[in-house]
Amino acid sequence: MMKKIFLSLCAACVWTVSFAQTQMPASAPSIEARQAEGQRLSALRQNLEDTYQQELKACYQNFDVTSCRIQARERRIQANAALRKEELRYNAAERRIQADEAVQRTEEKTSEAKTKEAQAHRAQAIQAGKDRADANAQKQIEHELQGTKRGEYEQKQREAAQHRADVEKKLRERTKEPAAPLPVPSR
């Protein structure tokens, strides 16, 4: 009786392995399907162990306990090998799916980073263009005013304004109290 249960379990494992090979979808299965497959494999593993324990208990009812245990162990090894192949396929598929998801997440991050970098580069290029245009306009004005009395006058006015700004800045930076006056000389 136990042998029949065990052999039917082995046949179910072999059938599931062959079915899984022919029915593997081209795209990744859903999370629910993957979880169901993992639970099914766990249930098969548990059923395999339970059947083996029941066979061992039945062996103790026989006169030849040792050979019965050896046969039960051999059947367990065969069923375990078939189940292990299926688990390895399942684990390999899971690793592939997780690796694909990790690559996809990385690609999304890098594409976002590239977009931000391109926007920053574009903003810098626009600002640099504006700065060059302003500097070019200023040089054009200075070139037109150079050598004329009006240009010299404006240049002196700019220098005077700069000098005033420098003097005011020095006065603001001065934090010391003025020195005490010198004593009056006595005779």
Protein backbone atom coordinates (compact mmCIF):
# COMPACT_ATOMS: atom_id res chain seq x y z
CA MET A 1 0.00 0.00 0.00
CA MET A 2 2.73 2.44 0.97
CA LYS A 3 4.68 1.56 -2.15
CA LYS A 4 1.70 2.47 -4.32
CA ILE A 5 1.32 5.86 -2.61
CA PHE A 6 5.01 6.52 -2.93
CA LEU A 7 5.13 5.47 -6.57
CA SER A 8 2.11 7.63 -7.37
CA LEU A 9 3.92 10.57 -5.74
CA CYS A 10 6.99 9.85 -7.89
CA ALA A 11 4.83 9.67 -11.00
CA ALA A 12 3.19 13.00 -10.07
CA CYS A 13 6.62 14.60 -9.69
CA VAL A 14 7.81 13.28 -13.06
CA TRP A 15 4.57 14.34 -14.75
CA THR A 16 4.82 17.83 -13.21
CA VAL A 17 8.42 18.19 -14.37
CA SER A 18 7.56 17.19 -17.93
CA PHE A 19 4.46 19.41 -17.86
CA ALA A 20 6.49 22.35 -16.56
CA GLN A 21 9.02 21.89 -19.37
CA THR A 22 6.38 21.96 -22.09
CA GLN A 23 4.17 24.62 -20.52
CA MET A 24 6.80 27.23 -19.57
CA PRO A 25 5.41 30.58 -20.72
CA ALA A 26 7.54 32.92 -22.78
CA SER A 27 6.86 35.83 -20.42
CA ALA A 28 7.34 35.88 -16.68
CA PRO A 29 4.45 34.35 -14.71
CA SER A 30 2.48 36.48 -12.30
CA ILE A 31 3.50 36.79 -8.67
CA GLU A 32 0.49 34.72 -7.60
CA ALA A 33 1.40 31.92 -10.01
CA ARG A 34 4.99 31.95 -8.79
CA GLN A 35 3.89 31.81 -5.15
CA ALA A 36 1.43 29.02 -5.93
CA GLU A 37 4.20 27.03 -7.64
CA GLY A 38 6.49 27.55 -4.63
CA GLN A 39 3.76 26.41 -2.25
CA ARG A 40 2.99 23.40 -4.46
CA LEU A 41 6.65 22.36 -4.39
CA SER A 42 6.76 22.79 -0.62
CA ALA A 43 3.62 20.68 -0.26
CA LEU A 44 5.13 17.97 -2.48
CA ARG A 45 8.31 18.02 -0.39
CA GLN A 46 6.26 17.72 2.82
CA ASN A 47 4.13 14.92 1.30
CA LEU A 48 7.30 13.08 0.28
CA GLU A 49 8.68 13.23 3.82
CA ASP A 50 5.33 12.24 5.37
CA THR A 51 5.05 9.25 3.04
CA TYR A 52 8.59 8.18 3.89
CA GLN A 53 7.85 8.38 7.62
CA GLN A 54 4.68 6.32 7.15
CA GLU A 55 6.62 3.70 5.19
CA LEU A 56 9.21 3.52 7.96
CA LYS A 57 6.45 2.95 10.52
CA ALA A 58 4.99 0.22 8.31
CA CYS A 59 8.42 -1.40 8.00
CA TYR A 60 8.52 -2.01 11.74
CA GLN A 61 5.43 -4.21 11.33
CA ASN A 62 7.35 -6.52 8.96
CA PHE A 63 9.73 -9.28 9.94
CA ASP A 64 12.52 -8.01 7.65
CA VAL A 65 12.76 -4.41 8.89
CA THR A 66 16.16 -3.59 7.42
CA SER A 67 15.44 -4.46 3.79
CA CYS A 68 12.06 -2.69 4.01
CA ARG A 69 13.77 0.46 5.30
CA ILE A 70 16.40 0.27 2.55
CA GLN A 71 13.70 -0.05 -0.11
CA ALA A 72 11.76 2.86 1.39
CA ARG A 73 14.92 4.93 1.43
CA GLU A 74 15.64 4.08 -2.23
CA ARG A 75 12.11 5.12 -3.24
CA ARG A 76 12.55 8.33 -1.25
CA ILE A 77 15.86 9.06 -2.98
CA GLN A 78 14.31 8.56 -6.43
CA ALA A 79 11.31 10.75 -5.67
CA ASN A 80 13.57 13.33 -4.02
CA ALA A 81 15.77 13.46 -7.14
CA ALA A 82 12.76 14.11 -9.38
CA LEU A 83 11.40 16.74 -7.00
CA ARG A 84 14.84 18.33 -6.69
CA LYS A 85 15.08 18.75 -10.48
CA GLU A 86 11.75 20.55 -10.47
CA GLU A 87 12.81 22.73 -7.53
CA LEU A 88 16.05 23.62 -9.31
CA ARG A 89 14.11 24.68 -12.43
CA TYR A 90 11.75 26.73 -10.27
CA ASN A 91 14.65 28.38 -8.39
CA ALA A 92 16.49 29.13 -11.66
CA ALA A 93 13.36 30.73 -13.10
CA GLU A 94 12.91 32.79 -9.92
CA ARG A 95 16.53 33.97 -10.08
CA ARG A 96 16.10 34.93 -13.74
CA ILE A 97 12.92 36.87 -12.99
CA GLN A 98 14.53 38.66 -10.03
CA ALA A 99 17.62 39.49 -12.10
CA ASP A 100 15.43 40.88 -14.89
CA GLU A 101 13.52 42.98 -12.36
CA ALA A 102 16.79 44.27 -10.88
CA VAL A 103 18.09 45.19 -14.35
CA GLN A 104 14.81 46.96 -15.11
CA ARG A 105 14.99 48.94 -11.84
CA THR A 106 18.59 49.91 -12.60
CA GLU A 107 17.68 51.01 -16.12
CA GLU A 108 14.83 53.14 -14.76
CA LYS A 109 17.16 54.80 -12.26
CA THR A 110 19.84 55.48 -14.85
CA SER A 111 17.33 56.86 -17.34
CA GLU A 112 16.00 59.25 -14.66
CA ALA A 113 19.54 60.27 -13.78
CA LYS A 114 20.41 60.81 -17.44
CA THR A 115 17.31 62.95 -17.91
CA LYS A 116 18.18 65.11 -14.90
CA GLU A 117 21.79 65.39 -16.07
CA ALA A 118 20.67 66.41 -19.57
CA GLN A 119 18.33 69.07 -18.12
CA ALA A 120 21.12 70.47 -15.92
CA HIS A 121 23.52 70.50 -18.88
CA ARG A 122 20.93 72.25 -21.03
CA ALA A 123 20.34 74.90 -18.33
CA GLN A 124 24.09 75.49 -18.02
CA ALA A 125 24.42 75.87 -21.79
CA ILE A 126 21.55 78.40 -21.88
CA GLN A 127 23.07 80.39 -19.01
CA ALA A 128 26.51 80.34 -20.67
CA GLY A 129 24.95 81.61 -23.90
CA LYS A 130 23.25 84.48 -22.05
CA ASP A 131 26.51 85.38 -20.29
CA ARG A 132 28.41 85.43 -23.60
CA ALA A 133 25.71 87.62 -25.20
CA ASP A 134 25.84 90.09 -22.27
CA ALA A 135 29.63 90.23 -22.34
CA ASN A 136 29.60 90.72 -26.11
CA ALA A 137 27.07 93.57 -25.83
CA GLN A 138 29.15 95.23 -23.10
CA LYS A 139 32.32 94.98 -25.19
CA GLN A 140 30.47 96.42 -28.17
CA ILE A 141 29.37 99.44 -26.11
CA GLU A 142 32.88 99.94 -24.70
CA HIS A 143 34.37 99.70 -28.17
CA GLU A 144 31.99 102.32 -29.53
CA LEU A 145 32.72 104.71 -26.64
CA GLN A 146 36.49 104.21 -26.72
CA GLY A 147 38.44 107.22 -27.91
CA THR A 148 35.60 109.70 -27.56
CA LYS A 149 35.32 112.36 -24.90
CA ARG A 150 31.98 110.92 -23.89
CA GLY A 151 33.62 107.49 -23.46
CA GLU A 152 36.45 108.92 -21.38
CA TYR A 153 33.97 110.81 -19.22
CA GLU A 154 31.89 107.68 -18.61
CA GLN A 155 35.04 105.68 -17.86
CA LYS A 156 36.09 108.27 -15.23
CA GLN A 157 32.58 108.19 -13.76
CA ARG A 158 32.71 104.38 -13.46
CA GLU A 159 36.16 104.55 -11.84
CA ALA A 160 34.96 107.21 -9.39
CA ALA A 161 31.89 105.11 -8.49
CA GLN A 162 34.10 102.09 -7.96
CA HIS A 163 36.48 104.14 -5.76
CA ARG A 164 33.55 105.42 -3.67
CA ALA A 165 32.25 101.87 -3.25
CA ASP A 166 35.69 100.68 -2.14
CA VAL A 167 36.06 103.51 0.39
CA GLU A 168 32.58 102.86 1.82
CA LYS A 169 33.37 99.18 2.09
CA LYS A 170 36.59 99.92 3.99
CA LEU A 171 34.72 102.24 6.34
CA ARG A 172 32.08 99.56 7.02
CA GLU A 173 34.77 96.97 7.67
CA ARG A 174 36.48 99.21 10.18
CA THR A 175 35.33 98.02 13.59
CA LYS A 176 37.91 99.66 15.84
CA GLU A 177 37.16 102.70 17.90
CA PRO A 178 38.99 105.82 16.79
CA ALA A 179 42.22 106.37 18.68
CA ALA A 180 42.27 108.72 21.64
CA PRO A 181 43.58 112.18 20.86
CA LEU A 182 47.17 112.98 21.70
CA PRO A 183 47.82 114.79 24.96
CA VAL A 184 48.32 118.51 24.84
CA PRO A 185 52.00 119.38 25.29
CA SER A 186 52.70 121.22 28.51
CA ARG A 187 55.45 123.84 28.99
